[in-house]
Amino acid sequence: MSDSDADAASVPSIDRVSGTGVPVRGNDIDTDQIIPARFMKVVTFDGLGEFAFFDQRFDDQDDRKDHPFNERRFQNASVLVVNANFGCGSSREHAPQALMRWGIDAIVGESFAEIFAGNCLALGIPTVTADEGTISELQTTVENHPDTELTVDVETETVTYERGSDDQSTTLDVAVDPAQRTALVDGIWDTTALMKSNEQAIEQTAADLPYIQ
């Protein structure tokens, strides 16, 4: 296999994500709440996970506040369940980077800021939507049964969960932006890897452009 073939093959198809959930309630949670600006003075994104929701999790004396990300029962959660207009405000890509490094693999919510959703897609993090009632039901389920495993199925546009106490499976309808769905399921969400795997075609296109000469 050539290096370019290896790069292309390294982009996984993301048709579903499974894991326990963590609910963060509230509308219009902006990117400054997700990752405060003072933690963005870094050369790489490494270590940003510990600062996710920092000002919501700690007071000025660094004492813990009441926040789901501080609760032990949600520490291994990988599916974030949020409300409306999540990720609004600044377009900083550090916000989804911080969530990913905290351990989030998928986000289910009422709605997302467009740029935030695009930044999530660039990391292979699905942002799927549902109506207010569905999200409220899912948040309450996760709060009452934090060990419940959620399966976010991007391809079928559903979220399924089964509580171990009653073995009853529940499937909720969600929506996935068509372009996001195609990119994730077909494994074309990592644009950097795609460019590397098509290096010769890019060079040829550049050579054919008269203003590049």
N, C-alpha and C. Protein backbone atom coordinates (compact mmCIF):
# COMPACT_ATOMS: atom_id res chain seq x y z
N MET A 1 0.85 -1.21 0.00
CA MET A 1 0.00 0.00 0.00
C MET A 1 0.88 1.25 0.00
N SER A 2 0.57 2.21 -0.85
CA SER A 2 1.33 3.46 -0.89
C SER A 2 1.01 4.32 0.32
N ASP A 3 1.87 5.35 0.54
CA ASP A 3 1.62 6.25 1.67
C ASP A 3 0.28 6.95 1.53
N SER A 4 -0.07 7.35 0.28
CA SER A 4 -1.33 8.05 0.08
C SER A 4 -2.51 7.13 0.35
N ASP A 5 -2.39 5.85 -0.05
CA ASP A 5 -3.46 4.89 0.24
C ASP A 5 -3.61 4.71 1.74
N ALA A 6 -2.49 4.68 2.46
CA ALA A 6 -2.54 4.51 3.91
C ALA A 6 -3.23 5.69 4.57
N ASP A 7 -2.95 6.92 4.06
CA ASP A 7 -3.59 8.09 4.62
C ASP A 7 -5.09 8.04 4.42
N ALA A 8 -5.53 7.62 3.21
CA ALA A 8 -6.96 7.55 2.93
C ALA A 8 -7.63 6.51 3.78
N ALA A 9 -6.93 5.37 3.97
CA ALA A 9 -7.52 4.28 4.74
C ALA A 9 -7.61 4.60 6.22
N SER A 10 -6.85 5.64 6.68
CA SER A 10 -6.82 5.95 8.10
C SER A 10 -8.03 6.75 8.55
N VAL A 11 -8.86 7.22 7.61
CA VAL A 11 -10.06 7.96 7.97
C VAL A 11 -11.19 6.96 8.20
N PRO A 12 -11.62 6.77 9.44
CA PRO A 12 -12.64 5.76 9.70
C PRO A 12 -14.05 6.22 9.35
N SER A 13 -14.87 5.27 9.01
CA SER A 13 -16.30 5.55 8.86
C SER A 13 -16.90 5.61 10.26
N ILE A 14 -17.70 6.64 10.52
CA ILE A 14 -18.34 6.79 11.83
C ILE A 14 -19.84 6.71 11.60
N ASP A 15 -20.36 5.48 11.66
CA ASP A 15 -21.79 5.32 11.45
C ASP A 15 -22.56 5.23 12.76
N ARG A 16 -21.85 4.92 13.86
CA ARG A 16 -22.51 4.92 15.16
C ARG A 16 -21.49 5.12 16.26
N VAL A 17 -21.96 5.68 17.38
CA VAL A 17 -21.13 5.91 18.56
C VAL A 17 -21.90 5.41 19.77
N SER A 18 -21.24 4.65 20.63
CA SER A 18 -21.91 4.12 21.82
C SER A 18 -21.14 4.52 23.08
N GLY A 19 -21.86 4.74 24.15
CA GLY A 19 -21.25 5.07 25.43
C GLY A 19 -22.30 5.61 26.39
N THR A 20 -21.91 5.78 27.63
CA THR A 20 -22.82 6.38 28.59
C THR A 20 -22.90 7.88 28.34
N GLY A 21 -23.92 8.52 28.91
CA GLY A 21 -24.16 9.92 28.63
C GLY A 21 -23.89 10.85 29.79
N VAL A 22 -23.73 12.12 29.46
CA VAL A 22 -23.61 13.17 30.47
C VAL A 22 -24.51 14.32 30.02
N PRO A 23 -25.47 14.72 30.85
CA PRO A 23 -26.38 15.82 30.48
C PRO A 23 -25.85 17.17 30.96
N VAL A 24 -25.84 18.14 30.07
CA VAL A 24 -25.52 19.51 30.44
C VAL A 24 -26.70 20.36 30.00
N ARG A 25 -27.49 20.81 30.96
CA ARG A 25 -28.72 21.53 30.66
C ARG A 25 -28.46 23.02 30.48
N GLY A 26 -29.30 23.64 29.64
CA GLY A 26 -29.23 25.08 29.45
C GLY A 26 -29.12 25.44 27.98
N ASN A 27 -29.84 26.48 27.58
CA ASN A 27 -29.76 26.98 26.21
C ASN A 27 -28.62 27.99 26.07
N ASP A 28 -28.16 28.17 24.84
CA ASP A 28 -27.17 29.20 24.50
C ASP A 28 -25.86 29.05 25.28
N ILE A 29 -25.43 27.83 25.50
CA ILE A 29 -24.13 27.60 26.12
C ILE A 29 -23.06 27.87 25.06
N ASP A 30 -22.30 28.94 25.27
CA ASP A 30 -21.37 29.37 24.22
C ASP A 30 -19.99 28.75 24.39
N THR A 31 -19.14 29.01 23.39
CA THR A 31 -17.82 28.37 23.39
C THR A 31 -16.93 28.90 24.51
N ASP A 32 -17.19 30.11 25.01
CA ASP A 32 -16.39 30.62 26.13
C ASP A 32 -16.72 29.87 27.41
N GLN A 33 -17.94 29.38 27.52
CA GLN A 33 -18.28 28.54 28.66
C GLN A 33 -17.65 27.14 28.50
N ILE A 34 -17.62 26.67 27.28
CA ILE A 34 -17.06 25.34 27.03
C ILE A 34 -15.55 25.34 27.29
N ILE A 35 -14.85 26.37 26.82
CA ILE A 35 -13.41 26.50 27.10
C ILE A 35 -13.07 27.99 27.21
N PRO A 36 -12.86 28.50 28.42
CA PRO A 36 -12.56 29.92 28.61
C PRO A 36 -11.32 30.34 27.81
N ALA A 37 -11.34 31.58 27.35
CA ALA A 37 -10.30 32.08 26.44
C ALA A 37 -8.90 31.99 27.04
N ARG A 38 -8.76 32.12 28.35
CA ARG A 38 -7.42 32.13 28.94
C ARG A 38 -6.71 30.79 28.80
N PHE A 39 -7.45 29.72 28.48
CA PHE A 39 -6.83 28.41 28.31
C PHE A 39 -6.47 28.14 26.85
N MET A 40 -6.66 29.14 26.00
CA MET A 40 -6.39 28.95 24.57
C MET A 40 -4.99 29.39 24.19
N LYS A 41 -4.20 29.83 25.14
CA LYS A 41 -2.83 30.29 24.86
C LYS A 41 -1.88 29.08 24.87
N VAL A 42 -2.14 28.17 23.95
CA VAL A 42 -1.35 26.94 23.89
C VAL A 42 -0.88 26.73 22.46
N VAL A 43 0.21 25.98 22.31
CA VAL A 43 0.74 25.68 20.99
C VAL A 43 -0.02 24.52 20.36
N THR A 44 -0.40 23.54 21.18
CA THR A 44 -1.19 22.40 20.71
C THR A 44 -2.47 22.31 21.52
N PHE A 45 -3.36 21.39 21.14
CA PHE A 45 -4.61 21.20 21.87
C PHE A 45 -4.46 20.22 23.03
N ASP A 46 -3.28 19.65 23.19
CA ASP A 46 -3.07 18.65 24.24
C ASP A 46 -3.39 19.24 25.62
N GLY A 47 -4.10 18.46 26.42
CA GLY A 47 -4.40 18.87 27.79
C GLY A 47 -5.60 19.76 27.95
N LEU A 48 -6.27 20.14 26.84
CA LEU A 48 -7.42 21.03 26.96
C LEU A 48 -8.60 20.38 27.66
N GLY A 49 -8.66 19.06 27.64
CA GLY A 49 -9.81 18.37 28.23
C GLY A 49 -10.06 18.71 29.68
N GLU A 50 -9.00 18.90 30.45
CA GLU A 50 -9.18 19.18 31.88
C GLU A 50 -9.78 20.56 32.13
N PHE A 51 -9.79 21.42 31.10
CA PHE A 51 -10.32 22.77 31.26
C PHE A 51 -11.71 22.93 30.67
N ALA A 52 -12.31 21.85 30.18
CA ALA A 52 -13.66 21.93 29.63
C ALA A 52 -14.64 22.39 30.70
N PHE A 53 -15.45 23.39 30.39
CA PHE A 53 -16.44 23.97 31.32
C PHE A 53 -15.81 24.44 32.63
N PHE A 54 -14.56 24.89 32.57
CA PHE A 54 -13.81 25.16 33.79
C PHE A 54 -14.51 26.16 34.71
N ASP A 55 -15.00 27.27 34.16
CA ASP A 55 -15.61 28.30 35.01
C ASP A 55 -16.99 27.90 35.51
N GLN A 56 -17.60 26.92 34.89
CA GLN A 56 -18.85 26.36 35.38
C GLN A 56 -18.60 25.28 36.43
N ARG A 57 -17.40 24.74 36.42
CA ARG A 57 -17.06 23.64 37.34
C ARG A 57 -16.36 24.10 38.61
N PHE A 58 -15.70 25.29 38.54
CA PHE A 58 -14.90 25.76 39.68
C PHE A 58 -15.15 27.24 39.94
N ASP A 59 -15.07 27.64 41.22
CA ASP A 59 -15.22 29.05 41.56
C ASP A 59 -13.86 29.73 41.53
N ASP A 60 -13.80 30.97 41.98
CA ASP A 60 -12.56 31.74 41.91
C ASP A 60 -11.46 31.18 42.80
N GLN A 61 -11.85 30.36 43.78
CA GLN A 61 -10.87 29.73 44.65
C GLN A 61 -10.56 28.29 44.20
N ASP A 62 -11.02 27.96 42.98
CA ASP A 62 -10.83 26.62 42.41
C ASP A 62 -11.53 25.52 43.21
N ASP A 63 -12.57 25.92 43.96
CA ASP A 63 -13.39 24.92 44.64
C ASP A 63 -14.46 24.43 43.66
N ARG A 64 -14.77 23.15 43.74
CA ARG A 64 -15.72 22.56 42.82
C ARG A 64 -17.13 23.12 43.00
N LYS A 65 -17.78 23.36 41.85
CA LYS A 65 -19.18 23.76 41.86
C LYS A 65 -20.03 22.59 41.36
N ASP A 66 -21.33 22.77 41.45
CA ASP A 66 -22.25 21.72 41.01
C ASP A 66 -22.32 21.73 39.48
N HIS A 67 -21.73 20.73 38.87
CA HIS A 67 -21.73 20.61 37.41
C HIS A 67 -21.58 19.14 37.04
N PRO A 68 -22.30 18.68 36.01
CA PRO A 68 -22.23 17.26 35.64
C PRO A 68 -20.81 16.77 35.35
N PHE A 69 -19.96 17.63 34.79
CA PHE A 69 -18.59 17.19 34.49
C PHE A 69 -17.76 16.96 35.75
N ASN A 70 -18.26 17.41 36.90
CA ASN A 70 -17.57 17.16 38.17
C ASN A 70 -18.07 15.90 38.86
N GLU A 71 -19.18 15.35 38.41
CA GLU A 71 -19.78 14.21 39.10
C GLU A 71 -19.11 12.90 38.69
N ARG A 72 -18.76 12.11 39.70
CA ARG A 72 -18.06 10.86 39.45
C ARG A 72 -18.85 9.93 38.54
N ARG A 73 -20.17 9.94 38.66
CA ARG A 73 -20.98 9.01 37.88
C ARG A 73 -20.94 9.30 36.38
N PHE A 74 -20.48 10.50 35.99
CA PHE A 74 -20.42 10.85 34.58
C PHE A 74 -18.99 10.90 34.04
N GLN A 75 -18.01 10.49 34.84
CA GLN A 75 -16.62 10.70 34.45
C GLN A 75 -16.19 9.92 33.21
N ASN A 76 -16.83 8.79 32.94
CA ASN A 76 -16.46 8.00 31.77
C ASN A 76 -17.45 8.14 30.62
N ALA A 77 -18.33 9.14 30.71
CA ALA A 77 -19.34 9.34 29.67
C ALA A 77 -18.70 9.82 28.37
N SER A 78 -19.30 9.41 27.25
CA SER A 78 -18.77 9.82 25.95
C SER A 78 -19.83 10.44 25.05
N VAL A 79 -21.09 10.48 25.51
CA VAL A 79 -22.16 11.10 24.73
C VAL A 79 -22.72 12.27 25.53
N LEU A 80 -22.54 13.47 25.01
CA LEU A 80 -23.00 14.70 25.67
C LEU A 80 -24.41 15.02 25.19
N VAL A 81 -25.32 15.31 26.15
CA VAL A 81 -26.71 15.62 25.80
C VAL A 81 -27.00 17.05 26.24
N VAL A 82 -27.31 17.92 25.27
CA VAL A 82 -27.42 19.35 25.53
C VAL A 82 -28.74 19.89 24.99
N ASN A 83 -28.95 21.19 25.18
CA ASN A 83 -30.19 21.82 24.74
C ASN A 83 -29.98 22.67 23.49
N ALA A 84 -30.60 23.85 23.42
CA ALA A 84 -30.65 24.61 22.17
C ALA A 84 -29.46 25.56 22.00
N ASN A 85 -29.03 25.72 20.75
CA ASN A 85 -28.00 26.67 20.36
C ASN A 85 -26.68 26.42 21.08
N PHE A 86 -26.34 25.17 21.24
CA PHE A 86 -25.11 24.81 21.93
C PHE A 86 -23.91 25.15 21.03
N GLY A 87 -22.88 25.74 21.64
CA GLY A 87 -21.67 26.08 20.90
C GLY A 87 -21.74 27.41 20.19
N CYS A 88 -22.65 28.28 20.61
CA CYS A 88 -22.78 29.59 19.98
C CYS A 88 -21.61 30.48 20.42
N GLY A 89 -21.60 31.72 19.92
CA GLY A 89 -20.54 32.66 20.30
C GLY A 89 -19.33 32.53 19.40
N SER A 90 -18.16 32.68 19.99
CA SER A 90 -16.91 32.63 19.24
C SER A 90 -16.78 31.32 18.47
N SER A 91 -16.12 31.39 17.31
CA SER A 91 -15.97 30.20 16.47
C SER A 91 -14.79 29.34 16.87
N ARG A 92 -14.22 29.56 18.03
CA ARG A 92 -12.99 28.88 18.44
C ARG A 92 -13.10 27.36 18.32
N GLU A 93 -12.14 26.77 17.60
CA GLU A 93 -12.12 25.32 17.45
C GLU A 93 -11.64 24.63 18.71
N HIS A 94 -11.13 25.39 19.67
CA HIS A 94 -10.69 24.81 20.93
C HIS A 94 -11.86 24.18 21.70
N ALA A 95 -13.09 24.65 21.45
CA ALA A 95 -14.24 24.13 22.20
C ALA A 95 -14.48 22.65 21.92
N PRO A 96 -14.68 22.22 20.67
CA PRO A 96 -14.82 20.79 20.45
C PRO A 96 -13.55 20.00 20.75
N GLN A 97 -12.39 20.65 20.57
CA GLN A 97 -11.15 19.97 20.93
C GLN A 97 -11.12 19.64 22.42
N ALA A 98 -11.56 20.58 23.26
CA ALA A 98 -11.60 20.34 24.70
C ALA A 98 -12.58 19.23 25.05
N LEU A 99 -13.75 19.25 24.43
CA LEU A 99 -14.74 18.20 24.69
C LEU A 99 -14.22 16.84 24.26
N MET A 100 -13.60 16.78 23.09
CA MET A 100 -13.06 15.51 22.61
C MET A 100 -12.00 14.98 23.57
N ARG A 101 -11.15 15.86 24.07
CA ARG A 101 -10.09 15.42 24.96
C ARG A 101 -10.60 15.12 26.36
N TRP A 102 -11.77 15.62 26.71
CA TRP A 102 -12.41 15.20 27.95
C TRP A 102 -12.97 13.78 27.79
N GLY A 103 -13.32 13.39 26.57
CA GLY A 103 -13.81 12.04 26.31
C GLY A 103 -15.10 11.98 25.52
N ILE A 104 -15.56 13.12 25.00
CA ILE A 104 -16.83 13.15 24.27
C ILE A 104 -16.63 12.68 22.83
N ASP A 105 -17.45 11.70 22.41
CA ASP A 105 -17.39 11.16 21.05
C ASP A 105 -18.59 11.54 20.20
N ALA A 106 -19.67 12.01 20.83
CA ALA A 106 -20.87 12.41 20.09
C ALA A 106 -21.66 13.38 20.96
N ILE A 107 -22.42 14.27 20.31
CA ILE A 107 -23.24 15.23 21.04
C ILE A 107 -24.66 15.19 20.48
N VAL A 108 -25.63 15.07 21.39
CA VAL A 108 -27.04 15.07 21.01
C VAL A 108 -27.67 16.31 21.62
N GLY A 109 -28.36 17.11 20.82
CA GLY A 109 -28.93 18.34 21.34
C GLY A 109 -30.10 18.84 20.52
N GLU A 110 -30.73 19.91 21.02
CA GLU A 110 -31.85 20.51 20.29
C GLU A 110 -31.36 21.22 19.03
N SER A 111 -30.26 21.96 19.16
CA SER A 111 -29.67 22.64 18.01
C SER A 111 -28.25 23.05 18.35
N PHE A 112 -27.47 23.31 17.29
CA PHE A 112 -26.06 23.67 17.45
C PHE A 112 -25.73 24.89 16.60
N ALA A 113 -24.79 25.68 17.07
CA ALA A 113 -24.26 26.75 16.24
C ALA A 113 -23.56 26.12 15.05
N GLU A 114 -23.75 26.71 13.87
CA GLU A 114 -23.28 26.08 12.63
C GLU A 114 -21.77 25.87 12.62
N ILE A 115 -21.00 26.88 13.02
CA ILE A 115 -19.55 26.75 12.99
C ILE A 115 -19.08 25.72 14.01
N PHE A 116 -19.71 25.69 15.18
CA PHE A 116 -19.35 24.69 16.18
C PHE A 116 -19.58 23.28 15.63
N ALA A 117 -20.74 23.07 14.99
CA ALA A 117 -21.03 21.75 14.41
C ALA A 117 -20.00 21.39 13.35
N GLY A 118 -19.59 22.38 12.55
CA GLY A 118 -18.58 22.12 11.54
C GLY A 118 -17.24 21.76 12.15
N ASN A 119 -16.86 22.42 13.24
CA ASN A 119 -15.62 22.10 13.92
C ASN A 119 -15.67 20.71 14.54
N CYS A 120 -16.85 20.31 15.02
CA CYS A 120 -17.02 18.96 15.55
C CYS A 120 -16.85 17.92 14.44
N LEU A 121 -17.45 18.20 13.29
CA LEU A 121 -17.35 17.27 12.16
C LEU A 121 -15.90 17.07 11.76
N ALA A 122 -15.10 18.12 11.80
CA ALA A 122 -13.69 18.01 11.43
C ALA A 122 -12.93 17.08 12.37
N LEU A 123 -13.49 16.80 13.54
CA LEU A 123 -12.88 15.89 14.51
C LEU A 123 -13.57 14.53 14.51
N GLY A 124 -14.59 14.36 13.66
CA GLY A 124 -15.32 13.10 13.63
C GLY A 124 -16.31 12.95 14.77
N ILE A 125 -16.78 14.09 15.31
CA ILE A 125 -17.76 14.07 16.41
C ILE A 125 -19.14 14.38 15.83
N PRO A 126 -20.06 13.42 15.81
CA PRO A 126 -21.42 13.70 15.32
C PRO A 126 -22.14 14.69 16.23
N THR A 127 -22.88 15.62 15.63
CA THR A 127 -23.77 16.52 16.38
C THR A 127 -25.18 16.28 15.84
N VAL A 128 -25.97 15.50 16.54
CA VAL A 128 -27.29 15.11 16.05
C VAL A 128 -28.35 15.85 16.85
N THR A 129 -29.50 16.11 16.23
CA THR A 129 -30.51 16.95 16.85
C THR A 129 -31.84 16.23 17.03
N ALA A 130 -32.62 16.71 18.00
CA ALA A 130 -33.96 16.21 18.26
C ALA A 130 -34.77 17.33 18.89
N ASP A 131 -36.08 17.14 18.98
CA ASP A 131 -36.93 18.20 19.54
C ASP A 131 -36.74 18.30 21.05
N GLU A 132 -37.27 19.38 21.60
CA GLU A 132 -37.07 19.67 23.02
C GLU A 132 -37.54 18.53 23.92
N GLY A 133 -38.70 17.95 23.61
CA GLY A 133 -39.24 16.87 24.43
C GLY A 133 -38.36 15.64 24.42
N THR A 134 -37.84 15.30 23.26
CA THR A 134 -36.96 14.13 23.15
C THR A 134 -35.67 14.34 23.92
N ILE A 135 -35.09 15.54 23.80
CA ILE A 135 -33.85 15.83 24.52
C ILE A 135 -34.08 15.82 26.03
N SER A 136 -35.20 16.38 26.48
CA SER A 136 -35.52 16.39 27.90
C SER A 136 -35.66 14.97 28.43
N GLU A 137 -36.32 14.12 27.67
CA GLU A 137 -36.48 12.72 28.06
C GLU A 137 -35.12 12.04 28.17
N LEU A 138 -34.24 12.31 27.21
CA LEU A 138 -32.93 11.68 27.21
C LEU A 138 -32.07 12.19 28.37
N GLN A 139 -32.13 13.49 28.64
CA GLN A 139 -31.36 14.04 29.76
C GLN A 139 -31.83 13.47 31.09
N THR A 140 -33.15 13.35 31.26
CA THR A 140 -33.70 12.80 32.50
C THR A 140 -33.30 11.34 32.66
N THR A 141 -33.33 10.59 31.59
CA THR A 141 -32.93 9.18 31.63
C THR A 141 -31.47 9.05 32.06
N VAL A 142 -30.61 9.87 31.49
CA VAL A 142 -29.18 9.81 31.81
C VAL A 142 -28.94 10.24 33.26
N GLU A 143 -29.66 11.25 33.71
CA GLU A 143 -29.51 11.70 35.10
C GLU A 143 -29.95 10.62 36.08
N ASN A 144 -31.06 9.96 35.79
CA ASN A 144 -31.58 8.95 36.71
C ASN A 144 -30.88 7.61 36.59
N HIS A 145 -30.32 7.34 35.42
CA HIS A 145 -29.66 6.05 35.17
C HIS A 145 -28.34 6.30 34.45
N PRO A 146 -27.33 6.81 35.16
CA PRO A 146 -26.07 7.21 34.51
C PRO A 146 -25.30 6.07 33.88
N ASP A 147 -25.63 4.83 34.22
CA ASP A 147 -24.94 3.69 33.63
C ASP A 147 -25.59 3.22 32.33
N THR A 148 -26.64 3.91 31.90
CA THR A 148 -27.33 3.55 30.66
C THR A 148 -26.44 3.83 29.46
N GLU A 149 -26.28 2.84 28.59
CA GLU A 149 -25.49 3.02 27.38
C GLU A 149 -26.37 3.53 26.25
N LEU A 150 -25.90 4.59 25.62
CA LEU A 150 -26.59 5.19 24.49
C LEU A 150 -25.87 4.80 23.20
N THR A 151 -26.64 4.52 22.17
CA THR A 151 -26.06 4.28 20.85
C THR A 151 -26.59 5.33 19.90
N VAL A 152 -25.70 6.20 19.46
CA VAL A 152 -26.05 7.23 18.49
C VAL A 152 -25.75 6.66 17.11
N ASP A 153 -26.80 6.38 16.35
CA ASP A 153 -26.64 5.79 15.02
C ASP A 153 -26.79 6.89 13.98
N VAL A 154 -25.67 7.28 13.41
CA VAL A 154 -25.67 8.37 12.44
C VAL A 154 -26.38 7.94 11.16
N GLU A 155 -26.17 6.70 10.76
CA GLU A 155 -26.72 6.24 9.49
C GLU A 155 -28.24 6.14 9.52
N THR A 156 -28.80 5.59 10.63
CA THR A 156 -30.25 5.44 10.72
C THR A 156 -30.92 6.62 11.40
N GLU A 157 -30.13 7.57 11.90
CA GLU A 157 -30.65 8.76 12.58
C GLU A 157 -31.54 8.39 13.76
N THR A 158 -30.96 7.63 14.67
CA THR A 158 -31.65 7.23 15.89
C THR A 158 -30.68 7.26 17.07
N VAL A 159 -31.25 7.37 18.26
CA VAL A 159 -30.51 7.14 19.50
C VAL A 159 -31.25 6.05 20.26
N THR A 160 -30.54 4.99 20.58
CA THR A 160 -31.15 3.85 21.27
C THR A 160 -30.48 3.67 22.62
N TYR A 161 -31.28 3.39 23.63
CA TYR A 161 -30.70 3.07 24.94
C TYR A 161 -31.48 1.94 25.59
N GLU A 162 -30.77 1.20 26.42
CA GLU A 162 -31.38 0.08 27.13
C GLU A 162 -30.89 0.09 28.56
N ARG A 163 -31.81 0.24 29.50
CA ARG A 163 -31.44 0.26 30.91
C ARG A 163 -31.28 -1.17 31.41
N GLY A 164 -30.18 -1.41 32.09
CA GLY A 164 -29.90 -2.75 32.56
C GLY A 164 -30.94 -3.28 33.53
N SER A 165 -31.63 -2.38 34.23
CA SER A 165 -32.58 -2.81 35.25
C SER A 165 -33.83 -3.45 34.66
N ASP A 166 -34.23 -3.04 33.45
CA ASP A 166 -35.46 -3.59 32.89
C ASP A 166 -35.29 -4.21 31.50
N ASP A 167 -34.06 -4.11 30.95
CA ASP A 167 -33.76 -4.71 29.64
C ASP A 167 -34.72 -4.23 28.55
N GLN A 168 -35.34 -3.09 28.73
CA GLN A 168 -36.26 -2.56 27.74
C GLN A 168 -35.54 -1.54 26.86
N SER A 169 -35.55 -1.78 25.56
CA SER A 169 -34.85 -0.90 24.64
C SER A 169 -35.78 0.22 24.16
N THR A 170 -35.25 1.43 24.14
CA THR A 170 -36.00 2.59 23.66
C THR A 170 -35.23 3.23 22.51
N THR A 171 -35.92 3.53 21.43
CA THR A 171 -35.28 4.17 20.28
C THR A 171 -35.93 5.53 20.02
N LEU A 172 -35.11 6.53 19.95
CA LEU A 172 -35.57 7.90 19.72
C LEU A 172 -35.12 8.35 18.33
N ASP A 173 -36.00 9.05 17.63
CA ASP A 173 -35.65 9.59 16.32
C ASP A 173 -34.87 10.88 16.48
N VAL A 174 -33.75 11.00 15.76
CA VAL A 174 -32.96 12.22 15.75
C VAL A 174 -32.71 12.60 14.30
N ALA A 175 -32.09 13.75 14.10
CA ALA A 175 -31.79 14.21 12.75
C ALA A 175 -30.29 14.48 12.63
N VAL A 176 -29.76 14.16 11.47
CA VAL A 176 -28.35 14.43 11.18
C VAL A 176 -28.29 15.24 9.88
N ASP A 177 -27.55 16.33 9.91
CA ASP A 177 -27.39 17.12 8.70
C ASP A 177 -26.92 16.21 7.57
N PRO A 178 -27.57 16.28 6.40
CA PRO A 178 -27.24 15.35 5.30
C PRO A 178 -25.76 15.34 4.92
N ALA A 179 -25.14 16.53 4.87
CA ALA A 179 -23.72 16.59 4.51
C ALA A 179 -22.86 15.96 5.59
N GLN A 180 -23.22 16.19 6.86
CA GLN A 180 -22.48 15.58 7.96
C GLN A 180 -22.65 14.06 7.93
N ARG A 181 -23.86 13.62 7.70
CA ARG A 181 -24.13 12.18 7.66
C ARG A 181 -23.29 11.49 6.59
N THR A 182 -23.26 12.08 5.39
CA THR A 182 -22.47 11.51 4.30
C THR A 182 -20.99 11.49 4.65
N ALA A 183 -20.49 12.60 5.20
CA ALA A 183 -19.07 12.69 5.53
C ALA A 183 -18.66 11.66 6.57
N LEU A 184 -19.49 11.48 7.60
CA LEU A 184 -19.16 10.54 8.67
C LEU A 184 -19.29 9.09 8.21
N VAL A 185 -20.39 8.76 7.57
CA VAL A 185 -20.64 7.37 7.17
C VAL A 185 -19.68 6.93 6.07
N ASP A 186 -19.36 7.83 5.15
CA ASP A 186 -18.46 7.48 4.05
C ASP A 186 -16.99 7.65 4.40
N GLY A 187 -16.71 8.15 5.60
CA GLY A 187 -15.32 8.30 6.02
C GLY A 187 -14.57 9.39 5.27
N ILE A 188 -15.25 10.50 5.01
CA ILE A 188 -14.60 11.61 4.31
C ILE A 188 -14.64 12.89 5.15
N TRP A 189 -14.74 12.74 6.46
CA TRP A 189 -14.86 13.89 7.35
C TRP A 189 -13.50 14.54 7.66
N ASP A 190 -12.41 13.78 7.52
CA ASP A 190 -11.08 14.31 7.82
C ASP A 190 -10.50 14.91 6.55
N THR A 191 -10.71 16.21 6.34
CA THR A 191 -10.29 16.85 5.10
C THR A 191 -8.78 16.90 4.95
N THR A 192 -8.05 16.97 6.06
CA THR A 192 -6.59 16.98 5.98
C THR A 192 -6.08 15.66 5.43
N ALA A 193 -6.62 14.56 5.94
CA ALA A 193 -6.21 13.24 5.44
C ALA A 193 -6.61 13.06 3.98
N LEU A 194 -7.77 13.61 3.61
CA LEU A 194 -8.21 13.50 2.22
C LEU A 194 -7.27 14.26 1.29
N MET A 195 -6.83 15.43 1.72
CA MET A 195 -5.89 16.20 0.90
C MET A 195 -4.57 15.45 0.76
N LYS A 196 -4.09 14.85 1.83
CA LYS A 196 -2.84 14.09 1.76
C LYS A 196 -2.97 12.90 0.82
N SER A 197 -4.13 12.25 0.85
CA SER A 197 -4.30 11.06 0.02
C SER A 197 -4.51 11.40 -1.45
N ASN A 198 -4.77 12.68 -1.73
CA ASN A 198 -4.95 13.12 -3.12
C ASN A 198 -3.90 14.15 -3.51
N GLU A 199 -2.71 13.96 -2.97
CA GLU A 199 -1.65 14.93 -3.18
C GLU A 199 -1.32 15.12 -4.66
N GLN A 200 -1.24 14.01 -5.41
CA GLN A 200 -0.89 14.11 -6.83
C GLN A 200 -1.96 14.89 -7.60
N ALA A 201 -3.24 14.64 -7.29
CA ALA A 201 -4.31 15.35 -7.98
C ALA A 201 -4.27 16.84 -7.66
N ILE A 202 -3.95 17.18 -6.41
CA ILE A 202 -3.86 18.58 -6.01
C ILE A 202 -2.70 19.27 -6.74
N GLU A 203 -1.56 18.58 -6.82
CA GLU A 203 -0.42 19.14 -7.52
C GLU A 203 -0.73 19.34 -9.01
N GLN A 204 -1.45 18.39 -9.60
CA GLN A 204 -1.79 18.50 -11.01
C GLN A 204 -2.74 19.68 -11.25
N THR A 205 -3.73 19.82 -10.35
CA THR A 205 -4.66 20.94 -10.47
C THR A 205 -3.93 22.27 -10.35
N ALA A 206 -3.01 22.34 -9.37
CA ALA A 206 -2.23 23.56 -9.18
C ALA A 206 -1.39 23.87 -10.42
N ALA A 207 -0.82 22.82 -11.02
CA ALA A 207 0.02 23.02 -12.20
C ALA A 207 -0.79 23.52 -13.40
N ASP A 208 -2.06 23.19 -13.43
CA ASP A 208 -2.92 23.60 -14.55
C ASP A 208 -3.48 25.01 -14.38
N LEU A 209 -3.27 25.62 -13.22
CA LEU A 209 -3.79 26.96 -12.98
C LEU A 209 -2.77 28.00 -13.44
N PRO A 210 -3.13 28.84 -14.37
CA PRO A 210 -2.14 29.79 -14.93
C PRO A 210 -1.58 30.77 -13.91
N TYR A 211 -2.37 31.12 -12.90
CA TYR A 211 -1.89 32.10 -11.93
C TYR A 211 -0.98 31.49 -10.87
N ILE A 212 -0.77 30.16 -10.90
CA ILE A 212 0.14 29.52 -9.97
C ILE A 212 1.56 29.56 -10.53
N GLN A 213 1.69 29.64 -11.85
CA GLN A 213 3.00 29.60 -12.50
C GLN A 213 3.86 30.80 -12.04
